[in-house]
C-alpha atoms as a PDB file:
ATOM      1  CA  MET A   1      -7.596  -0.772 -14.747  1.00  0.00           C
ATOM      2  CA  GLU A   2      -8.710   1.441 -17.622  1.00  0.00           C
ATOM      3  CA  ALA A   3      -6.811   4.430 -16.248  1.00  0.00           C
ATOM      4  CA  ASN A   4      -3.703   2.296 -15.813  1.00  0.00           C
ATOM      5  CA  ALA A   5      -4.025   1.071 -19.410  1.00  0.00           C
ATOM      6  CA  ASP A   6      -4.343   4.676 -20.628  1.00  0.00           C
ATOM      7  CA  VAL A   7      -1.239   5.690 -18.701  1.00  0.00           C
ATOM      8  CA  ALA A   8       0.658   2.630 -19.937  1.00  0.00           C
ATOM      9  CA  THR A   9      -0.137   3.564 -23.546  1.00  0.00           C
ATOM     10  CA  TYR A  10       1.020   7.119 -22.905  1.00  0.00           C
ATOM     11  CA  THR A  11       4.300   5.962 -21.336  1.00  0.00           C
ATOM     12  CA  HIS A  12       5.209   3.901 -24.385  1.00  0.00           C
ATOM     13  CA  GLN A  13       4.673   6.839 -26.722  1.00  0.00           C
ATOM     14  CA  ASN A  14       6.174   9.810 -24.863  1.00  0.00           C
ATOM     15  CA  GLU A  15       9.341  11.001 -23.184  1.00  0.00           C
ATOM     16  CA  LEU A  16       8.927  10.695 -19.417  1.00  0.00           C
ATOM     17  CA  SER A  17      10.233  12.699 -16.489  1.00  0.00           C
ATOM     18  CA  GLU A  18      12.228  10.871 -13.842  1.00  0.00           C
ATOM     19  CA  LEU A  19       9.207  11.031 -11.529  1.00  0.00           C
ATOM     20  CA  GLN A  20       7.009   9.505 -14.220  1.00  0.00           C
ATOM     21  CA  LYS A  21       9.519   6.701 -14.733  1.00  0.00           C
ATOM     22  CA  ALA A  22       9.373   5.928 -11.018  1.00  0.00           C
ATOM     23  CA  ALA A  23       5.575   6.112 -11.080  1.00  0.00           C
ATOM     24  CA  CYS A  24       5.534   3.605 -13.970  1.00  0.00           C
ATOM     25  CA  GLN A  25       7.113   1.066 -11.659  1.00  0.00           C
ATOM     26  CA  VAL A  26       5.639   1.869  -8.247  1.00  0.00           C
ATOM     27  CA  ILE A  27       1.978   2.437  -9.156  1.00  0.00           C
ATOM     28  CA  PRO A  28       1.446  -0.833 -11.103  1.00  0.00           C
ATOM     29  CA  GLN A  29       3.050  -2.749  -8.226  1.00  0.00           C
ATOM     30  CA  GLY A  30       0.567  -1.112  -5.863  1.00  0.00           C
ATOM     31  CA  ILE A  31      -2.388  -1.915  -8.109  1.00  0.00           C
ATOM     32  CA  ASN A  32      -1.200  -5.518  -8.347  1.00  0.00           C
ATOM     33  CA  LEU A  33      -0.986  -5.733  -4.560  1.00  0.00           C
ATOM     34  CA  ALA A  34      -4.498  -4.270  -4.189  1.00  0.00           C
ATOM     35  CA  LEU A  35      -5.874  -6.864  -6.615  1.00  0.00           C
ATOM     36  CA  THR A  36      -4.019  -9.612  -4.742  1.00  0.00           C
ATOM     37  CA  LEU A  37      -5.474  -8.380  -1.452  1.00  0.00           C
ATOM     38  CA  ARG A  38      -8.952  -8.460  -2.965  1.00  0.00           C
ATOM     39  CA  GLU A  39      -8.471 -12.077  -4.018  1.00  0.00           C
ATOM     40  CA  LEU A  40      -7.064 -13.108  -0.640  1.00  0.00           C
ATOM     41  CA  VAL A  41     -10.058 -11.548   1.119  1.00  0.00           C
ATOM     42  CA  ARG A  42     -12.457 -13.262  -1.293  1.00  0.00           C
ATOM     43  CA  GLN A  43     -10.808 -16.595  -0.475  1.00  0.00           C
ATOM     44  CA  GLY A  44     -10.797 -15.964   3.289  1.00  0.00           C
ATOM     45  CA  TYR A  45      -7.036 -15.610   3.765  1.00  0.00           C
ATOM     46  CA  LEU A  46      -7.326 -12.517   5.911  1.00  0.00           C
ATOM     47  CA  PHE A  47      -3.992 -12.717   7.716  1.00  0.00           C
ATOM     48  CA  GLY A  48      -2.139 -13.103   4.423  1.00  0.00           C
ATOM     49  CA  ALA A  49      -4.009 -10.051   3.167  1.00  0.00           C
ATOM     50  CA  LEU A  50      -2.941  -8.104   6.249  1.00  0.00           C
ATOM     51  CA  VAL A  51       0.683  -9.023   5.643  1.00  0.00           C
ATOM     52  CA  LEU A  52       0.466  -7.735   2.065  1.00  0.00           C
ATOM     53  CA  MET A  53      -1.143  -4.508   3.240  1.00  0.00           C
ATOM     54  CA  ARG A  54       2.248  -3.162   4.344  1.00  0.00           C
ATOM     55  CA  PRO A  55       3.781  -3.336   0.838  1.00  0.00           C
ATOM     56  CA  LEU A  56       0.649  -1.693  -0.581  1.00  0.00           C
ATOM     57  CA  ILE A  57       0.939   1.111   1.964  1.00  0.00           C
ATOM     58  CA  GLU A  58       4.611   1.472   1.102  1.00  0.00           C
ATOM     59  CA  ARG A  59       3.902   1.805  -2.639  1.00  0.00           C
ATOM     60  CA  ALA A  60       1.287   4.495  -2.018  1.00  0.00           C
ATOM     61  CA  ALA A  61       3.619   6.272   0.406  1.00  0.00           C
ATOM     62  CA  ILE A  62       6.643   6.061  -1.912  1.00  0.00           C
ATOM     63  CA  ILE A  63       4.940   7.636  -4.894  1.00  0.00           C
ATOM     64  CA  SER A  64       3.284  10.262  -2.678  1.00  0.00           C
ATOM     65  CA  TYR A  65       6.665  11.137  -1.191  1.00  0.00           C
ATOM     66  CA  LEU A  66       8.395  11.269  -4.564  1.00  0.00           C
ATOM     67  CA  TYR A  67       5.634  13.449  -5.965  1.00  0.00           C
ATOM     68  CA  ALA A  68       5.991  15.841  -3.024  1.00  0.00           C
ATOM     69  CA  HIS A  69       9.804  15.696  -3.220  1.00  0.00           C
ATOM     70  CA  PRO A  70      10.750  15.181  -6.893  1.00  0.00           C
ATOM     71  CA  ASP A  71      14.335  16.127  -6.060  1.00  0.00           C
ATOM     72  CA  GLU A  72      14.519  12.821  -4.111  1.00  0.00           C
ATOM     73  CA  VAL A  73      13.736  10.594  -7.113  1.00  0.00           C
ATOM     74  CA  HIS A  74      17.475   9.952  -7.480  1.00  0.00           C
ATOM     75  CA  VAL A  75      17.487   8.275  -4.040  1.00  0.00           C
ATOM     76  CA  TRP A  76      14.783   5.907  -5.256  1.00  0.00           C
ATOM     77  CA  GLN A  77      16.626   5.302  -8.538  1.00  0.00           C
ATOM     78  CA  ASN A  78      19.791   4.450  -6.588  1.00  0.00           C
ATOM     79  CA  GLY A  79      18.083   1.526  -4.880  1.00  0.00           C
ATOM     80  CA  TRP A  80      16.138   3.266  -2.117  1.00  0.00           C
ATOM     81  CA  GLN A  81      18.837   2.294   0.379  1.00  0.00           C
ATOM     82  CA  PHE A  82      17.824   1.921   4.019  1.00  0.00           C
ATOM     83  CA  ARG A  83      19.875   4.773   5.467  1.00  0.00           C
ATOM     84  CA  GLU A  84      19.118   7.118   2.551  1.00  0.00           C
ATOM     85  CA  ARG A  85      15.389   6.707   2.065  1.00  0.00           C
ATOM     86  CA  PRO A  86      12.860   8.370   4.364  1.00  0.00           C
ATOM     87  CA  SER A  87      11.026   6.319   6.960  1.00  0.00           C
ATOM     88  CA  LEU A  88       7.571   4.994   6.158  1.00  0.00           C
ATOM     89  CA  THR A  89       6.170   7.367   8.751  1.00  0.00           C
ATOM     90  CA  LYS A  90       7.764  10.351   7.008  1.00  0.00           C
ATOM     91  CA  MET A  91       6.493   9.167   3.629  1.00  0.00           C
ATOM     92  CA  LEU A  92       2.972   8.696   5.005  1.00  0.00           C
ATOM     93  CA  GLU A  93       2.970  12.344   6.033  1.00  0.00           C
ATOM     94  CA  THR A  94       3.054  13.360   2.349  1.00  0.00           C
ATOM     95  CA  MET A  95      -0.203  11.575   1.578  1.00  0.00           C
ATOM     96  CA  ASN A  96      -2.145  14.290   3.345  1.00  0.00           C
ATOM     97  CA  GLY A  97      -0.527  17.497   4.505  1.00  0.00           C
ATOM     98  CA  SER A  98      -2.671  17.647   7.622  1.00  0.00           C
ATOM     99  CA  VAL A  99      -2.073  14.072   8.793  1.00  0.00           C
ATOM    100  CA  ASP A 100      -1.187  13.706  12.435  1.00  0.00           C
ATOM    101  CA  ILE A 101       2.318  12.247  12.754  1.00  0.00           C
ATOM    102  CA  LYS A 102       0.995  10.000  15.541  1.00  0.00           C
ATOM    103  CA  ILE A 103      -1.443   8.366  13.130  1.00  0.00           C
ATOM    104  CA  ALA A 104       1.247   7.874  10.480  1.00  0.00           C
ATOM    105  CA  LYS A 105       3.519   6.325  13.115  1.00  0.00           C
ATOM    106  CA  GLN A 106       0.714   4.050  14.343  1.00  0.00           C
ATOM    107  CA  ILE A 107       0.002   2.804  10.807  1.00  0.00           C
ATOM    108  CA  SER A 108       3.684   2.165  10.223  1.00  0.00           C
ATOM    109  CA  GLU A 109       4.139   0.341  13.532  1.00  0.00           C
ATOM    110  CA  THR A 110       0.945  -1.729  13.281  1.00  0.00           C
ATOM    111  CA  PHE A 111       1.734  -3.149   9.867  1.00  0.00           C
ATOM    112  CA  GLY A 112       5.385  -3.511  10.787  1.00  0.00           C
ATOM    113  CA  HIS A 113       4.372  -5.782  13.680  1.00  0.00           C
ATOM    114  CA  ILE A 114       2.139  -7.831  11.393  1.00  0.00           C
ATOM    115  CA  VAL A 115       4.871  -8.272   8.764  1.00  0.00           C
ATOM    116  CA  HIS A 116       7.671  -9.082  11.186  1.00  0.00           C
ATOM    117  CA  GLY A 117       5.799 -11.736  13.171  1.00  0.00           C
ATOM    118  CA  ASP A 118       6.348 -10.328  16.622  1.00  0.00           C
ATOM    119  CA  PRO A 119       3.957 -10.869  19.557  1.00  0.00           C
ATOM    120  CA  LEU A 120       2.036  -7.648  18.900  1.00  0.00           C
ATOM    121  CA  GLY A 121       1.418  -8.680  15.302  1.00  0.00           C
ATOM    122  CA  SER A 122       0.156 -12.114  16.305  1.00  0.00           C
ATOM    123  CA  GLN A 123      -3.075 -10.664  17.718  1.00  0.00           C
ATOM    124  CA  TRP A 124      -4.225 -10.094  14.130  1.00  0.00           C
ATOM    125  CA  ASN A 125      -4.213 -13.857  13.521  1.00  0.00           C
ATOM    126  CA  LEU A 126      -6.431 -14.769  16.485  1.00  0.00           C
ATOM    127  CA  VAL A 127      -9.714 -16.542  15.803  1.00  0.00           C
ATOM    128  CA  HIS A 128     -12.575 -17.659  18.022  1.00  0.00           C
ATOM    129  CA  LEU A 129     -12.638 -21.426  18.545  1.00  0.00           C
ATOM    130  CA  SER A 130     -15.777 -23.548  18.806  1.00  0.00           C
ATOM    131  CA  ASP A 131     -15.127 -24.130  22.532  1.00  0.00           C
ATOM    132  CA  GLY A 132     -15.208 -20.368  23.191  1.00  0.00           C
ATOM    133  CA  GLY A 133     -11.446 -19.985  23.399  1.00  0.00           C
ATOM    134  CA  LEU A 134      -9.000 -18.298  21.084  1.00  0.00           C
ATOM    135  CA  GLY A 135      -6.470 -19.809  18.704  1.00  0.00           C
ATOM    136  CA  TYR A 136      -4.251 -18.841  15.816  1.00  0.00           C
ATOM    137  CA  SER A 137      -5.533 -19.462  12.322  1.00  0.00           C
ATOM    138  CA  VAL A 138      -3.499 -21.464   9.835  1.00  0.00           C
ATOM    139  CA  GLY A 139      -5.985 -21.161   7.002  1.00  0.00           C
ATOM    140  CA  LYS A 140      -9.145 -19.469   5.878  1.00  0.00           C
ATOM    141  CA  VAL A 141     -11.092 -17.180   8.191  1.00  0.00           C
ATOM    142  CA  ILE A 142     -14.630 -16.796   6.919  1.00  0.00           C
ATOM    143  CA  ASN A 143     -16.428 -15.508  10.002  1.00  0.00           C
ATOM    144  CA  ASP A 144     -14.595 -12.288  10.898  1.00  0.00           C
ATOM    145  CA  THR A 145     -16.534  -9.639   9.026  1.00  0.00           C
ATOM    146  CA  GLU A 146     -14.961  -6.798  10.996  1.00  0.00           C
ATOM    147  CA  LEU A 147     -11.436  -7.803   9.983  1.00  0.00           C
ATOM    148  CA  CYS A 148     -12.597  -8.334   6.415  1.00  0.00           C
ATOM    149  CA  ASP A 149     -14.130  -4.847   6.340  1.00  0.00           C
ATOM    150  CA  CYS A 150     -10.977  -3.350   7.885  1.00  0.00           C
ATOM    151  CA  ILE A 151      -8.761  -4.909   5.213  1.00  0.00           C
ATOM    152  CA  CYS A 152     -11.081  -3.853   2.408  1.00  0.00           C
ATOM    153  CA  LEU A 153     -11.334  -0.274   3.658  1.00  0.00           C
ATOM    154  CA  GLN A 154      -7.565   0.005   4.108  1.00  0.00           C
ATOM    155  CA  SER A 155      -6.742  -1.451   0.701  1.00  0.00           C
ATOM    156  CA  TYR A 156      -9.360   0.710  -1.004  1.00  0.00           C
ATOM    157  CA  SER A 157      -7.967   3.817   0.695  1.00  0.00           C
ATOM    158  CA  TYR A 158      -4.440   3.150  -0.543  1.00  0.00           C
ATOM    159  CA  LEU A 159      -5.692   2.266  -4.016  1.00  0.00           C
ATOM    160  CA  VAL A 160      -7.402   5.672  -4.095  1.00  0.00           C
ATOM    161  CA  VAL A 161      -4.066   7.273  -3.177  1.00  0.00           C
ATOM    162  CA  LEU A 162      -2.364   5.372  -6.005  1.00  0.00           C
ATOM    163  CA  MET A 163      -5.024   6.498  -8.468  1.00  0.00           C
ATOM    164  CA  GLY A 164      -4.663  10.090  -7.291  1.00  0.00           C
ATOM    165  CA  MET A 165      -0.907   9.882  -7.726  1.00  0.00           C
ATOM    166  CA  MET A 166      -1.397   8.408 -11.189  1.00  0.00           C
ATOM    167  CA  ALA A 167      -3.495  11.421 -12.140  1.00  0.00           C
ATOM    168  CA  ALA A 168      -0.993  13.812 -10.550  1.00  0.00           C
ATOM    169  CA  CYS A 169       2.062  12.235 -12.197  1.00  0.00           C
ATOM    170  CA  PHE A 170       0.403  11.956 -15.619  1.00  0.00           C
ATOM    171  CA  PRO A 171      -1.847  15.030 -15.951  1.00  0.00           C
ATOM    172  CA  GLU A 172      -1.488  14.898 -19.729  1.00  0.00           C
ATOM    173  CA  VAL A 173      -3.404  11.623 -19.898  1.00  0.00           C
ATOM    174  CA  THR A 174      -7.125  12.276 -20.228  1.00  0.00           C
ATOM    175  CA  GLY A 175      -9.506  10.097 -18.270  1.00  0.00           C
ATOM    176  CA  VAL A 176      -7.118   9.542 -15.371  1.00  0.00           C
END
């Protein structure tokens, strides 16, 4: 939060590049989503947190892609239209030059299933019932520590990417 405040102060006092202008919008959205995920996990709304993971991933991927391809900032500025913007999988590749495309595709597909409510995504909402069976949660899940840890690790990882992109996009700001 301190680094974001430092960058915000800088952005109000200096002329910004087009990439920096995009970063001013995308990075705070990502931080907001990460904080929202934290609160949802704290309250036990794990499936809701999973659904919001996809937009967090997208924010981290967008700014990573734009940083790697600053000549594409105009596509983002023009509304990031479906047929013009790169796929999430392609954007995920820019987060780490050595990432396996299969892993990027798996991340994209997994969170796509969760967001779009298809049968594959529904498995993430299963809970163990008191009679030993399985059911679908409609509220808080407070006894699935593995899912909680998975969400926290994922959200932390993408928050780290956002912070790294903040430092990369605003190298003039000390303390970032």
